Amino acid sequence: ARPIGDSELDERARALFESMAYREVSEAEVRDIRLLKARMENERLP
């Protein structure tokens, strides 16, 4: 995520998306990411 602009709203949006992306990651979430990548490899290749 990258805010387009330099207003107060943009800075608040930056903080929100950074808080989503960079809070502590649980092992369950790591498994979710790996499972989704495995699904992509099995299903998305034309």
ModelCIF file with pLDDT and N, C-alpha, C, O atoms, coordinates in Angstrom:
data_MODEL
#
_entry.id   MODEL 
#
_entity.id                         1 
_entity.type                       polymer 
_entity.pdbx_number_of_molecules   1 
#
_entity_poly.entity_id                      1 
_entity_poly.type                           'polypeptide(L)' 
_entity_poly.nstd_linkage                   no 
_entity_poly.nstd_monomer                   no 
_entity_poly.pdbx_seq_one_letter_code       ARPIGDSELDERARALFESMAYREVSEAEVRDIRLLKARMENERLP 
_entity_poly.pdbx_seq_one_letter_code_can   ARPIGDSELDERARALFESMAYREVSEAEVRDIRLLKARMENERLP 
_entity_poly.pdbx_strand_id                 A 
#
loop_
_entity_poly_seq.entity_id 
_entity_poly_seq.num 
_entity_poly_seq.mon_id 
_entity_poly_seq.hetero 
1 1  ALA n 
1 2  ARG n 
1 3  PRO n 
1 4  ILE n 
1 5  GLY n 
1 6  ASP n 
1 7  SER n 
1 8  GLU n 
1 9  LEU n 
1 10 ASP n 
1 11 GLU n 
1 12 ARG n 
1 13 ALA n 
1 14 ARG n 
1 15 ALA n 
1 16 LEU n 
1 17 PHE n 
1 18 GLU n 
1 19 SER n 
1 20 MET n 
1 21 ALA n 
1 22 TYR n 
1 23 ARG n 
1 24 GLU n 
1 25 VAL n 
1 26 SER n 
1 27 GLU n 
1 28 ALA n 
1 29 GLU n 
1 30 VAL n 
1 31 ARG n 
1 32 ASP n 
1 33 ILE n 
1 34 ARG n 
1 35 LEU n 
1 36 LEU n 
1 37 LYS n 
1 38 ALA n 
1 39 ARG n 
1 40 MET n 
1 41 GLU n 
1 42 ASN n 
1 43 GLU n 
1 44 ARG n 
1 45 LEU n 
1 46 PRO n 
#
_struct_asym.id          A 
_struct_asym.entity_id   1 
#
loop_
_ma_qa_metric.id 
_ma_qa_metric.mode 
_ma_qa_metric.name 
_ma_qa_metric.software_group_id 
_ma_qa_metric.type 
1 global pLDDT . pLDDT 
2 local  pLDDT . pLDDT 
#
_ma_qa_metric_global.metric_id      1 
_ma_qa_metric_global.metric_value   91.72 
_ma_qa_metric_global.model_id       1 
_ma_qa_metric_global.ordinal_id     1 
#
loop_
_ma_qa_metric_local.label_asym_id 
_ma_qa_metric_local.label_comp_id 
_ma_qa_metric_local.label_seq_id 
_ma_qa_metric_local.metric_id 
_ma_qa_metric_local.metric_value 
_ma_qa_metric_local.model_id 
_ma_qa_metric_local.ordinal_id 
A ALA 1  2 96.00 1 1  
A ARG 2  2 96.00 1 2  
A PRO 3  2 94.00 1 3  
A ILE 4  2 91.00 1 4  
A GLY 5  2 84.00 1 5  
A ASP 6  2 85.00 1 6  
A SER 7  2 89.00 1 7  
A GLU 8  2 92.00 1 8  
A LEU 9  2 92.00 1 9  
A ASP 10 2 92.00 1 10 
A GLU 11 2 92.00 1 11 
A ARG 12 2 93.00 1 12 
A ALA 13 2 93.00 1 13 
A ARG 14 2 93.00 1 14 
A ALA 15 2 94.00 1 15 
A LEU 16 2 93.00 1 16 
A PHE 17 2 94.00 1 17 
A GLU 18 2 95.00 1 18 
A SER 19 2 93.00 1 19 
A MET 20 2 93.00 1 20 
A ALA 21 2 94.00 1 21 
A TYR 22 2 95.00 1 22 
A ARG 23 2 91.00 1 23 
A GLU 24 2 90.00 1 24 
A VAL 25 2 91.00 1 25 
A SER 26 2 91.00 1 26 
A GLU 27 2 92.00 1 27 
A ALA 28 2 93.00 1 28 
A GLU 29 2 93.00 1 29 
A VAL 30 2 93.00 1 30 
A ARG 31 2 94.00 1 31 
A ASP 32 2 94.00 1 32 
A ILE 33 2 95.00 1 33 
A ARG 34 2 94.00 1 34 
A LEU 35 2 94.00 1 35 
A LEU 36 2 94.00 1 36 
A LYS 37 2 94.00 1 37 
A ALA 38 2 92.00 1 38 
A ARG 39 2 91.00 1 39 
A MET 40 2 89.00 1 40 
A GLU 41 2 88.00 1 41 
A ASN 42 2 86.00 1 42 
A GLU 43 2 88.00 1 43 
A ARG 44 2 86.00 1 44 
A LEU 45 2 86.00 1 45 
A PRO 46 2 87.00 1 46 
#
loop_
_atom_site.group_PDB 
_atom_site.id 
_atom_site.type_symbol 
_atom_site.label_atom_id 
_atom_site.label_alt_id 
_atom_site.label_comp_id 
_atom_site.label_asym_id 
_atom_site.label_entity_id 
_atom_site.label_seq_id 
_atom_site.pdbx_PDB_ins_code 
_atom_site.Cartn_x 
_atom_site.Cartn_y 
_atom_site.Cartn_z 
_atom_site.occupancy 
_atom_site.B_iso_or_equiv 
_atom_site.pdbx_formal_charge 
_atom_site.auth_seq_id 
_atom_site.auth_comp_id 
_atom_site.auth_asym_id 
_atom_site.auth_atom_id 
_atom_site.pdbx_PDB_model_num 
ATOM 1   N N  . ALA A 1 1  ? 0.833  -1.208  0.000   1.00 96.00 ? 1  ALA A N  1 
ATOM 2   C CA . ALA A 1 1  ? 0.000  0.000   0.000   1.00 96.00 ? 1  ALA A CA 1 
ATOM 3   C C  . ALA A 1 1  ? 0.866  1.256   0.000   1.00 96.00 ? 1  ALA A C  1 
ATOM 4   O O  . ALA A 1 1  ? 1.864  1.334   0.716   1.00 96.00 ? 1  ALA A O  1 
ATOM 5   N N  . ARG A 1 2  ? 0.473  2.234   -0.810  1.00 96.00 ? 2  ARG A N  1 
ATOM 6   C CA . ARG A 1 2  ? 1.163  3.529   -0.871  1.00 96.00 ? 2  ARG A CA 1 
ATOM 7   C C  . ARG A 1 2  ? 0.124  4.626   -1.041  1.00 96.00 ? 2  ARG A C  1 
ATOM 8   O O  . ARG A 1 2  ? -0.602 4.625   -2.035  1.00 96.00 ? 2  ARG A O  1 
ATOM 9   N N  . PRO A 1 3  ? 0.028  5.568   -0.099  1.00 94.00 ? 3  PRO A N  1 
ATOM 10  C CA . PRO A 1 3  ? -0.948 6.649   -0.263  1.00 94.00 ? 3  PRO A CA 1 
ATOM 11  C C  . PRO A 1 3  ? -0.547 7.573   -1.402  1.00 94.00 ? 3  PRO A C  1 
ATOM 12  O O  . PRO A 1 3  ? 0.634  7.870   -1.582  1.00 94.00 ? 3  PRO A O  1 
ATOM 13  N N  . ILE A 1 4  ? -1.533 8.030   -2.173  1.00 91.00 ? 4  ILE A N  1 
ATOM 14  C CA . ILE A 1 4  ? -1.289 8.948   -3.279  1.00 91.00 ? 4  ILE A CA 1 
ATOM 15  C C  . ILE A 1 4  ? -1.670 10.344  -2.797  1.00 91.00 ? 4  ILE A C  1 
ATOM 16  O O  . ILE A 1 4  ? -2.854 10.663  -2.693  1.00 91.00 ? 4  ILE A O  1 
ATOM 17  N N  . GLY A 1 5  ? -0.690 11.162  -2.508  1.00 84.00 ? 5  GLY A N  1 
ATOM 18  C CA . GLY A 1 5  ? -0.957 12.493  -2.006  1.00 84.00 ? 5  GLY A CA 1 
ATOM 19  C C  . GLY A 1 5  ? -0.143 12.789  -0.769  1.00 84.00 ? 5  GLY A C  1 
ATOM 20  O O  . GLY A 1 5  ? 0.653  11.958  -0.330  1.00 84.00 ? 5  GLY A O  1 
ATOM 21  N N  . ASP A 1 6  ? -0.337 13.977  -0.199  1.00 85.00 ? 6  ASP A N  1 
ATOM 22  C CA . ASP A 1 6  ? 0.429  14.366  0.983   1.00 85.00 ? 6  ASP A CA 1 
ATOM 23  C C  . ASP A 1 6  ? -0.430 15.104  2.000   1.00 85.00 ? 6  ASP A C  1 
ATOM 24  O O  . ASP A 1 6  ? 0.056  15.976  2.721   1.00 85.00 ? 6  ASP A O  1 
ATOM 25  N N  . SER A 1 7  ? -1.702 14.752  2.052   1.00 89.00 ? 7  SER A N  1 
ATOM 26  C CA . SER A 1 7  ? -2.605 15.400  3.004   1.00 89.00 ? 7  SER A CA 1 
ATOM 27  C C  . SER A 1 7  ? -2.608 14.638  4.328   1.00 89.00 ? 7  SER A C  1 
ATOM 28  O O  . SER A 1 7  ? -1.991 13.580  4.454   1.00 89.00 ? 7  SER A O  1 
ATOM 29  N N  . GLU A 1 8  ? -3.301 15.187  5.291   1.00 92.00 ? 8  GLU A N  1 
ATOM 30  C CA . GLU A 1 8  ? -3.453 14.498  6.571   1.00 92.00 ? 8  GLU A CA 1 
ATOM 31  C C  . GLU A 1 8  ? -4.164 13.160  6.382   1.00 92.00 ? 8  GLU A C  1 
ATOM 32  O O  . GLU A 1 8  ? -3.830 12.181  7.049   1.00 92.00 ? 8  GLU A O  1 
ATOM 33  N N  . LEU A 1 9  ? -5.140 13.114  5.477   1.00 92.00 ? 9  LEU A N  1 
ATOM 34  C CA . LEU A 1 9  ? -5.856 11.863  5.214   1.00 92.00 ? 9  LEU A CA 1 
ATOM 35  C C  . LEU A 1 9  ? -4.902 10.801  4.681   1.00 92.00 ? 9  LEU A C  1 
ATOM 36  O O  . LEU A 1 9  ? -4.996 9.634   5.061   1.00 92.00 ? 9  LEU A O  1 
ATOM 37  N N  . ASP A 1 10 ? -3.977 11.201  3.797   1.00 92.00 ? 10 ASP A N  1 
ATOM 38  C CA . ASP A 1 10 ? -3.004 10.253  3.257   1.00 92.00 ? 10 ASP A CA 1 
ATOM 39  C C  . ASP A 1 10 ? -2.114 9.685   4.364   1.00 92.00 ? 10 ASP A C  1 
ATOM 40  O O  . ASP A 1 10 ? -1.834 8.486   4.385   1.00 92.00 ? 10 ASP A O  1 
ATOM 41  N N  . GLU A 1 11 ? -1.676 10.539  5.274   1.00 92.00 ? 11 GLU A N  1 
ATOM 42  C CA . GLU A 1 11 ? -0.814 10.074  6.353   1.00 92.00 ? 11 GLU A CA 1 
ATOM 43  C C  . GLU A 1 11 ? -1.557 9.141   7.290   1.00 92.00 ? 11 GLU A C  1 
ATOM 44  O O  . GLU A 1 11 ? -0.984 8.169   7.782   1.00 92.00 ? 11 GLU A O  1 
ATOM 45  N N  . ARG A 1 12 ? -2.819 9.426   7.540   1.00 93.00 ? 12 ARG A N  1 
ATOM 46  C CA . ARG A 1 12 ? -3.617 8.519   8.372   1.00 93.00 ? 12 ARG A CA 1 
ATOM 47  C C  . ARG A 1 12 ? -3.815 7.182   7.670   1.00 93.00 ? 12 ARG A C  1 
ATOM 48  O O  . ARG A 1 12 ? -3.800 6.131   8.311   1.00 93.00 ? 12 ARG A O  1 
ATOM 49  N N  . ALA A 1 13 ? -4.002 7.222   6.349   1.00 93.00 ? 13 ALA A N  1 
ATOM 50  C CA . ALA A 1 13 ? -4.145 5.974   5.596   1.00 93.00 ? 13 ALA A CA 1 
ATOM 51  C C  . ALA A 1 13 ? -2.851 5.173   5.634   1.00 93.00 ? 13 ALA A C  1 
ATOM 52  O O  . ALA A 1 13 ? -2.877 3.950   5.776   1.00 93.00 ? 13 ALA A O  1 
ATOM 53  N N  . ARG A 1 14 ? -1.713 5.865   5.506   1.00 93.00 ? 14 ARG A N  1 
ATOM 54  C CA . ARG A 1 14 ? -0.428 5.177   5.585   1.00 93.00 ? 14 ARG A CA 1 
ATOM 55  C C  . ARG A 1 14 ? -0.292 4.452   6.925   1.00 93.00 ? 14 ARG A C  1 
ATOM 56  O O  . ARG A 1 14 ? 0.110  3.290   6.971   1.00 93.00 ? 14 ARG A O  1 
ATOM 57  N N  . ALA A 1 15 ? -0.627 5.140   8.000   1.00 94.00 ? 15 ALA A N  1 
ATOM 58  C CA . ALA A 1 15 ? -0.514 4.539   9.330   1.00 94.00 ? 15 ALA A CA 1 
ATOM 59  C C  . ALA A 1 15 ? -1.429 3.329   9.471   1.00 94.00 ? 15 ALA A C  1 
ATOM 60  O O  . ALA A 1 15 ? -1.044 2.325   10.071  1.00 94.00 ? 15 ALA A O  1 
ATOM 61  N N  . LEU A 1 16 ? -2.647 3.420   8.918   1.00 93.00 ? 16 LEU A N  1 
ATOM 62  C CA . LEU A 1 16 ? -3.583 2.304   9.006   1.00 93.00 ? 16 LEU A CA 1 
ATOM 63  C C  . LEU A 1 16 ? -3.050 1.074   8.294   1.00 93.00 ? 16 LEU A C  1 
ATOM 64  O O  . LEU A 1 16 ? -3.047 -0.019  8.861   1.00 93.00 ? 16 LEU A O  1 
ATOM 65  N N  . PHE A 1 17 ? -2.603 1.239   7.064   1.00 94.00 ? 17 PHE A N  1 
ATOM 66  C CA . PHE A 1 17 ? -2.159 0.071   6.298   1.00 94.00 ? 17 PHE A CA 1 
ATOM 67  C C  . PHE A 1 17 ? -0.844 -0.482  6.837   1.00 94.00 ? 17 PHE A C  1 
ATOM 68  O O  . PHE A 1 17 ? -0.606 -1.687  6.766   1.00 94.00 ? 17 PHE A O  1 
ATOM 69  N N  . GLU A 1 18 ? 0.014  0.387   7.376   1.00 95.00 ? 18 GLU A N  1 
ATOM 70  C CA . GLU A 1 18 ? 1.223  -0.126  8.014   1.00 95.00 ? 18 GLU A CA 1 
ATOM 71  C C  . GLU A 1 18 ? 0.882  -0.934  9.258   1.00 95.00 ? 18 GLU A C  1 
ATOM 72  O O  . GLU A 1 18 ? 1.532  -1.940  9.542   1.00 95.00 ? 18 GLU A O  1 
ATOM 73  N N  . SER A 1 19 ? -0.135 -0.501  10.003  1.00 93.00 ? 19 SER A N  1 
ATOM 74  C CA . SER A 1 19 ? -0.526 -1.255  11.197  1.00 93.00 ? 19 SER A CA 1 
ATOM 75  C C  . SER A 1 19 ? -1.094 -2.625  10.817  1.00 93.00 ? 19 SER A C  1 
ATOM 76  O O  . SER A 1 19 ? -0.921 -3.597  11.552  1.00 93.00 ? 19 SER A O  1 
ATOM 77  N N  . MET A 1 20 ? -1.771 -2.696  9.670   1.00 93.00 ? 20 MET A N  1 
ATOM 78  C CA . MET A 1 20 ? -2.266 -3.984  9.190   1.00 93.00 ? 20 MET A CA 1 
ATOM 79  C C  . MET A 1 20 ? -1.111 -4.895  8.790   1.00 93.00 ? 20 MET A C  1 
ATOM 80  O O  . MET A 1 20 ? -1.089 -6.073  9.148   1.00 93.00 ? 20 MET A O  1 
ATOM 81  N N  . ALA A 1 21 ? -0.161 -4.351  8.054   1.00 94.00 ? 21 ALA A N  1 
ATOM 82  C CA . ALA A 1 21 ? 0.897  -5.169  7.473   1.00 94.00 ? 21 ALA A CA 1 
ATOM 83  C C  . ALA A 1 21 ? 1.942  -5.599  8.494   1.00 94.00 ? 21 ALA A C  1 
ATOM 84  O O  . ALA A 1 21 ? 2.492  -6.696  8.396   1.00 94.00 ? 21 ALA A O  1 
ATOM 85  N N  . TYR A 1 22 ? 2.223  -4.734  9.479   1.00 95.00 ? 22 TYR A N  1 
ATOM 86  C CA . TYR A 1 22 ? 3.418  -4.926  10.280  1.00 95.00 ? 22 TYR A CA 1 
ATOM 87  C C  . TYR A 1 22 ? 3.181  -5.171  11.758  1.00 95.00 ? 22 TYR A C  1 
ATOM 88  O O  . TYR A 1 22 ? 4.090  -4.982  12.566  1.00 95.00 ? 22 TYR A O  1 
ATOM 89  N N  . ARG A 1 23 ? 1.998  -5.580  12.121  1.00 91.00 ? 23 ARG A N  1 
ATOM 90  C CA . ARG A 1 23 ? 1.835  -6.035  13.500  1.00 91.00 ? 23 ARG A CA 1 
ATOM 91  C C  . ARG A 1 23 ? 2.395  -7.455  13.603  1.00 91.00 ? 23 ARG A C  1 
ATOM 92  O O  . ARG A 1 23 ? 2.806  -8.042  12.602  1.00 91.00 ? 23 ARG A O  1 
ATOM 93  N N  . GLU A 1 24 ? 2.409  -7.994  14.807  1.00 90.00 ? 24 GLU A N  1 
ATOM 94  C CA . GLU A 1 24 ? 2.991  -9.328  15.008  1.00 90.00 ? 24 GLU A CA 1 
ATOM 95  C C  . GLU A 1 24 ? 2.281  -10.370 14.153  1.00 90.00 ? 24 GLU A C  1 
ATOM 96  O O  . GLU A 1 24 ? 1.053  -10.381 14.067  1.00 90.00 ? 24 GLU A O  1 
ATOM 97  N N  . VAL A 1 25 ? 3.052  -11.236 13.526  1.00 91.00 ? 25 VAL A N  1 
ATOM 98  C CA . VAL A 1 25 ? 2.517  -12.295 12.662  1.00 91.00 ? 25 VAL A CA 1 
ATOM 99  C C  . VAL A 1 25 ? 2.546  -13.612 13.427  1.00 91.00 ? 25 VAL A C  1 
ATOM 100 O O  . VAL A 1 25 ? 3.600  -14.040 13.899  1.00 91.00 ? 25 VAL A O  1 
ATOM 101 N N  . SER A 1 26 ? 1.397  -14.246 13.547  1.00 91.00 ? 26 SER A N  1 
ATOM 102 C CA . SER A 1 26 ? 1.327  -15.520 14.259  1.00 91.00 ? 26 SER A CA 1 
ATOM 103 C C  . SER A 1 26 ? 1.768  -16.658 13.346  1.00 91.00 ? 26 SER A C  1 
ATOM 104 O O  . SER A 1 26 ? 1.809  -16.516 12.124  1.00 91.00 ? 26 SER A O  1 
ATOM 105 N N  . GLU A 1 27 ? 2.093  -17.773 13.957  1.00 92.00 ? 27 GLU A N  1 
ATOM 106 C CA . GLU A 1 27 ? 2.468  -18.951 13.163  1.00 92.00 ? 27 GLU A CA 1 
ATOM 107 C C  . GLU A 1 27 ? 1.299  -19.424 12.318  1.00 92.00 ? 27 GLU A C  1 
ATOM 108 O O  . GLU A 1 27 ? 1.491  -19.943 11.218  1.00 92.00 ? 27 GLU A O  1 
ATOM 109 N N  . ALA A 1 28 ? 0.066  -19.244 12.838  1.00 93.00 ? 28 ALA A N  1 
ATOM 110 C CA . ALA A 1 28 ? -1.112 -19.613 12.042  1.00 93.00 ? 28 ALA A CA 1 
ATOM 111 C C  . ALA A 1 28 ? -1.204 -18.761 10.781  1.00 93.00 ? 28 ALA A C  1 
ATOM 112 O O  . ALA A 1 28 ? -1.590 -19.258 9.723   1.00 93.00 ? 28 ALA A O  1 
ATOM 113 N N  . GLU A 1 29 ? -0.853 -17.483 10.887  1.00 93.00 ? 29 GLU A N  1 
ATOM 114 C CA . GLU A 1 29 ? -0.882 -16.617 9.710   1.00 93.00 ? 29 GLU A CA 1 
ATOM 115 C C  . GLU A 1 29 ? 0.224  -16.985 8.728   1.00 93.00 ? 29 GLU A C  1 
ATOM 116 O O  . GLU A 1 29 ? 0.022  -16.915 7.516   1.00 93.00 ? 29 GLU A O  1 
ATOM 117 N N  . VAL A 1 30 ? 1.387  -17.373 9.236   1.00 93.00 ? 30 VAL A N  1 
ATOM 118 C CA . VAL A 1 30 ? 2.454  -17.846 8.352   1.00 93.00 ? 30 VAL A CA 1 
ATOM 119 C C  . VAL A 1 30 ? 1.985  -19.073 7.590   1.00 93.00 ? 30 VAL A C  1 
ATOM 120 O O  . VAL A 1 30 ? 2.243  -19.198 6.393   1.00 93.00 ? 30 VAL A O  1 
ATOM 121 N N  . ARG A 1 31 ? 1.299  -19.982 8.275   1.00 94.00 ? 31 ARG A N  1 
ATOM 122 C CA . ARG A 1 31 ? 0.761  -21.169 7.589   1.00 94.00 ? 31 ARG A CA 1 
ATOM 123 C C  . ARG A 1 31 ? -0.263 -20.769 6.541   1.00 94.00 ? 31 ARG A C  1 
ATOM 124 O O  . ARG A 1 31 ? -0.296 -21.339 5.450   1.00 94.00 ? 31 ARG A O  1 
ATOM 125 N N  . ASP A 1 32 ? -1.105 -19.786 6.869   1.00 94.00 ? 32 ASP A N  1 
ATOM 126 C CA . ASP A 1 32 ? -2.100 -19.320 5.901   1.00 94.00 ? 32 ASP A CA 1 
ATOM 127 C C  . ASP A 1 32 ? -1.429 -18.808 4.632   1.00 94.00 ? 32 ASP A C  1 
ATOM 128 O O  . ASP A 1 32 ? -1.861 -19.127 3.525   1.00 94.00 ? 32 ASP A O  1 
ATOM 129 N N  . ILE A 1 33 ? -0.378 -18.018 4.794   1.00 95.00 ? 33 ILE A N  1 
ATOM 130 C CA . ILE A 1 33 ? 0.327  -17.464 3.640   1.00 95.00 ? 33 ILE A CA 1 
ATOM 131 C C  . ILE A 1 33 ? 0.941  -18.583 2.803   1.00 95.00 ? 33 ILE A C  1 
ATOM 132 O O  . ILE A 1 33 ? 0.856  -18.566 1.575   1.00 95.00 ? 33 ILE A O  1 
ATOM 133 N N  . ARG A 1 34 ? 1.553  -19.545 3.464   1.00 94.00 ? 34 ARG A N  1 
ATOM 134 C CA . ARG A 1 34 ? 2.171  -20.650 2.727   1.00 94.00 ? 34 ARG A CA 1 
ATOM 135 C C  . ARG A 1 34 ? 1.126  -21.509 2.023   1.00 94.00 ? 34 ARG A C  1 
ATOM 136 O O  . ARG A 1 34 ? 1.348  -21.954 0.897   1.00 94.00 ? 34 ARG A O  1 
ATOM 137 N N  . LEU A 1 35 ? -0.003 -21.744 2.672   1.00 94.00 ? 35 LEU A N  1 
ATOM 138 C CA . LEU A 1 35 ? -1.067 -22.521 2.038   1.00 94.00 ? 35 LEU A CA 1 
ATOM 139 C C  . LEU A 1 35 ? -1.640 -21.800 0.823   1.00 94.00 ? 35 LEU A C  1 
ATOM 140 O O  . LEU A 1 35 ? -1.934 -22.428 -0.194  1.00 94.00 ? 35 LEU A O  1 
ATOM 141 N N  . LEU A 1 36 ? -1.798 -20.483 0.927   1.00 94.00 ? 36 LEU A N  1 
ATOM 142 C CA . LEU A 1 36 ? -2.317 -19.722 -0.197  1.00 94.00 ? 36 LEU A CA 1 
ATOM 143 C C  . LEU A 1 36 ? -1.341 -19.740 -1.360  1.00 94.00 ? 36 LEU A C  1 
ATOM 144 O O  . LEU A 1 36 ? -1.754 -19.836 -2.515  1.00 94.00 ? 36 LEU A O  1 
ATOM 145 N N  . LYS A 1 37 ? -0.055 -19.651 -1.068  1.00 94.00 ? 37 LYS A N  1 
ATOM 146 C CA . LYS A 1 37 ? 0.951  -19.734 -2.138  1.00 94.00 ? 37 LYS A CA 1 
ATOM 147 C C  . LYS A 1 37 ? 0.908  -21.095 -2.801  1.00 94.00 ? 37 LYS A C  1 
ATOM 148 O O  . LYS A 1 37 ? 1.005  -21.186 -4.024  1.00 94.00 ? 37 LYS A O  1 
ATOM 149 N N  . ALA A 1 38 ? 0.764  -22.153 -2.021  1.00 92.00 ? 38 ALA A N  1 
ATOM 150 C CA . ALA A 1 38 ? 0.675  -23.495 -2.592  1.00 92.00 ? 38 ALA A CA 1 
ATOM 151 C C  . ALA A 1 38 ? -0.552 -23.625 -3.485  1.00 92.00 ? 38 ALA A C  1 
ATOM 152 O O  . ALA A 1 38 ? -0.483 -24.230 -4.555  1.00 92.00 ? 38 ALA A O  1 
ATOM 153 N N  . ARG A 1 39 ? -1.678 -23.059 -3.049  1.00 91.00 ? 39 ARG A N  1 
ATOM 154 C CA . ARG A 1 39 ? -2.886 -23.083 -3.884  1.00 91.00 ? 39 ARG A CA 1 
ATOM 155 C C  . ARG A 1 39 ? -2.671 -22.339 -5.188  1.00 91.00 ? 39 ARG A C  1 
ATOM 156 O O  . ARG A 1 39 ? -3.099 -22.803 -6.245  1.00 91.00 ? 39 ARG A O  1 
ATOM 157 N N  . MET A 1 40 ? -2.014 -21.194 -5.125  1.00 89.00 ? 40 MET A N  1 
ATOM 158 C CA . MET A 1 40 ? -1.744 -20.433 -6.341  1.00 89.00 ? 40 MET A CA 1 
ATOM 159 C C  . MET A 1 40 ? -0.917 -21.257 -7.322  1.00 89.00 ? 40 MET A C  1 
ATOM 160 O O  . MET A 1 40 ? -1.187 -21.262 -8.523  1.00 89.00 ? 40 MET A O  1 
ATOM 161 N N  . GLU A 1 41 ? 0.083  -21.948 -6.805  1.00 88.00 ? 41 GLU A N  1 
ATOM 162 C CA . GLU A 1 41 ? 0.941  -22.735 -7.687  1.00 88.00 ? 41 GLU A CA 1 
ATOM 163 C C  . GLU A 1 41 ? 0.169  -23.878 -8.338  1.00 88.00 ? 41 GLU A C  1 
ATOM 164 O O  . GLU A 1 41 ? 0.460  -24.267 -9.469  1.00 88.00 ? 41 GLU A O  1 
ATOM 165 N N  . ASN A 1 42 ? -0.812 -24.409 -7.622  1.00 86.00 ? 42 ASN A N  1 
ATOM 166 C CA . ASN A 1 42 ? -1.591 -25.536 -8.156  1.00 86.00 ? 42 ASN A CA 1 
ATOM 167 C C  . ASN A 1 42 ? -2.731 -25.106 -9.072  1.00 86.00 ? 42 ASN A C  1 
ATOM 168 O O  . ASN A 1 42 ? -3.126 -25.854 -9.966  1.00 86.00 ? 42 ASN A O  1 
ATOM 169 N N  . GLU A 1 43 ? -3.268 -23.885 -8.849  1.00 88.00 ? 43 GLU A N  1 
ATOM 170 C CA . GLU A 1 43 ? -4.512 -23.514 -9.516  1.00 88.00 ? 43 GLU A CA 1 
ATOM 171 C C  . GLU A 1 43 ? -4.402 -22.377 -10.524 1.00 88.00 ? 43 GLU A C  1 
ATOM 172 O O  . GLU A 1 43 ? -5.204 -22.313 -11.455 1.00 88.00 ? 43 GLU A O  1 
ATOM 173 N N  . ARG A 1 44 ? -3.430 -21.476 -10.365 1.00 86.00 ? 44 ARG A N  1 
ATOM 174 C CA . ARG A 1 44 ? -3.437 -20.271 -11.180 1.00 86.00 ? 44 ARG A CA 1 
ATOM 175 C C  . ARG A 1 44 ? -2.602 -20.352 -12.447 1.00 86.00 ? 44 ARG A C  1 
ATOM 176 O O  . ARG A 1 44 ? -2.802 -19.560 -13.368 1.00 86.00 ? 44 ARG A O  1 
ATOM 177 N N  . LEU A 1 45 ? -1.682 -21.281 -12.509 1.00 86.00 ? 45 LEU A N  1 
ATOM 178 C CA . LEU A 1 45 ? -0.878 -21.404 -13.712 1.00 86.00 ? 45 LEU A CA 1 
ATOM 179 C C  . LEU A 1 45 ? -1.775 -21.795 -14.877 1.00 86.00 ? 45 LEU A C  1 
ATOM 180 O O  . LEU A 1 45 ? -2.484 -22.797 -14.781 1.00 86.00 ? 45 LEU A O  1 
ATOM 181 N N  . PRO A 1 46 ? -1.772 -21.035 -15.984 1.00 87.00 ? 46 PRO A N  1 
ATOM 182 C CA . PRO A 1 46 ? -2.670 -21.341 -17.101 1.00 87.00 ? 46 PRO A CA 1 
ATOM 183 C C  . PRO A 1 46 ? -2.456 -22.758 -17.634 1.00 87.00 ? 46 PRO A C  1 
ATOM 184 O O  . PRO A 1 46 ? -3.133 -23.173 -18.575 1.00 87.00 ? 46 PRO A O  1 
#
